[in-house]
Amino acid sequence: MTGFSNKDWSVEMEISNFDDLTYGSLFIGLVVYWVLFTIWATINAYHHRGLNTAWIIAFALLNVVGYLFFRVGKGIRNETN
């Protein structure tokens, strides 16, 4: 802590470091995203009648890339109403 003062006033400065909180929040956010995407991709594959254990493992390990392989391999098109 550093500070400046004279007979009429005093100023103290302190630096707070939030690196641990920042990296921890980023890590937790990525883990939550990874798990939720895996769950969503698994449910979506089930609804397209293409779910098996290999696809669940691919979604869990490869995430978006695994899902893109699923979409291309199964020939799933974008659905419009």
Protein backbone atom coordinates (compact mmCIF):
# COMPACT_ATOMS: atom_id res chain seq x y z
CA MET A 1 0.00 0.00 0.00
CA THR A 2 1.31 3.41 -0.89
CA GLY A 3 0.08 6.81 0.09
CA PHE A 4 0.60 10.53 -0.07
CA SER A 5 -0.24 13.10 2.54
CA ASN A 6 0.42 16.52 3.92
CA LYS A 7 -0.92 18.24 7.03
CA ASP A 8 -4.44 18.72 5.53
CA TRP A 9 -5.14 15.53 3.58
CA SER A 10 -4.10 11.92 3.09
CA VAL A 11 -4.50 9.60 0.09
CA GLU A 12 -3.81 5.87 0.25
CA MET A 13 -3.73 3.61 -2.81
CA GLU A 14 -4.09 -0.15 -2.89
CA ILE A 15 -4.02 -2.55 -5.82
CA SER A 16 -6.33 -5.57 -5.89
CA ASN A 17 -5.47 -8.50 -8.10
CA PHE A 18 -8.36 -10.51 -9.56
CA ASP A 19 -6.38 -12.91 -11.77
CA ASP A 20 -7.36 -16.01 -9.82
CA LEU A 21 -11.04 -15.06 -9.88
CA THR A 22 -10.89 -14.29 -13.60
CA TYR A 23 -9.23 -17.57 -14.57
CA GLY A 24 -11.45 -19.54 -12.22
CA SER A 25 -14.59 -17.98 -13.68
CA LEU A 26 -13.39 -18.64 -17.22
CA PHE A 27 -12.64 -22.28 -16.41
CA ILE A 28 -16.00 -22.84 -14.71
CA GLY A 29 -17.83 -21.15 -17.60
CA LEU A 30 -16.10 -23.34 -20.19
CA VAL A 31 -16.85 -26.51 -18.21
CA VAL A 32 -20.52 -25.56 -17.87
CA TYR A 33 -20.71 -24.77 -21.61
CA TRP A 34 -19.00 -28.07 -22.51
CA VAL A 35 -21.36 -30.14 -20.37
CA LEU A 36 -24.52 -28.34 -21.50
CA PHE A 37 -23.54 -28.57 -25.17
CA THR A 38 -22.88 -32.30 -24.78
CA ILE A 39 -26.30 -32.78 -23.19
CA TRP A 40 -28.01 -30.72 -25.89
CA ALA A 41 -26.23 -32.54 -28.75
CA THR A 42 -27.13 -35.91 -27.21
CA ILE A 43 -30.81 -34.98 -26.92
CA ASN A 44 -30.80 -33.60 -30.47
CA ALA A 45 -29.19 -36.76 -31.83
CA TYR A 46 -31.81 -38.84 -30.00
CA HIS A 47 -34.61 -36.84 -31.62
CA HIS A 48 -33.05 -37.39 -35.06
CA ARG A 49 -32.95 -41.16 -34.39
CA GLY A 50 -29.17 -41.28 -34.70
CA LEU A 51 -28.04 -41.65 -31.11
CA ASN A 52 -25.57 -44.32 -30.07
CA THR A 53 -22.72 -44.55 -27.59
CA ALA A 54 -20.08 -43.54 -30.13
CA TRP A 55 -21.86 -40.23 -30.82
CA ILE A 56 -22.15 -39.45 -27.11
CA ILE A 57 -18.41 -40.01 -26.72
CA ALA A 58 -17.72 -37.87 -29.81
CA PHE A 59 -19.90 -35.04 -28.44
CA ALA A 60 -18.20 -35.22 -25.05
CA LEU A 61 -14.65 -35.26 -26.41
CA LEU A 62 -14.91 -33.15 -29.57
CA ASN A 63 -17.87 -30.93 -28.67
CA VAL A 64 -18.89 -28.77 -31.67
CA VAL A 65 -16.60 -30.63 -34.08
CA GLY A 66 -18.19 -33.94 -33.04
CA TYR A 67 -21.65 -32.49 -33.56
CA LEU A 68 -20.68 -31.23 -37.03
CA PHE A 69 -19.48 -34.75 -37.89
CA PHE A 70 -22.87 -36.05 -36.73
CA ARG A 71 -24.78 -33.53 -38.84
CA VAL A 72 -22.73 -34.23 -41.97
CA GLY A 73 -22.72 -38.01 -41.43
CA LYS A 74 -26.48 -38.22 -40.87
CA GLY A 75 -27.35 -35.70 -43.58
CA ILE A 76 -29.38 -33.53 -41.21
CA ARG A 77 -30.60 -30.31 -42.79
CA ASN A 78 -31.67 -27.11 -41.08
CA GLU A 79 -35.29 -27.35 -40.05
CA THR A 80 -37.64 -24.49 -40.89
CA ASN A 81 -41.27 -24.17 -39.90
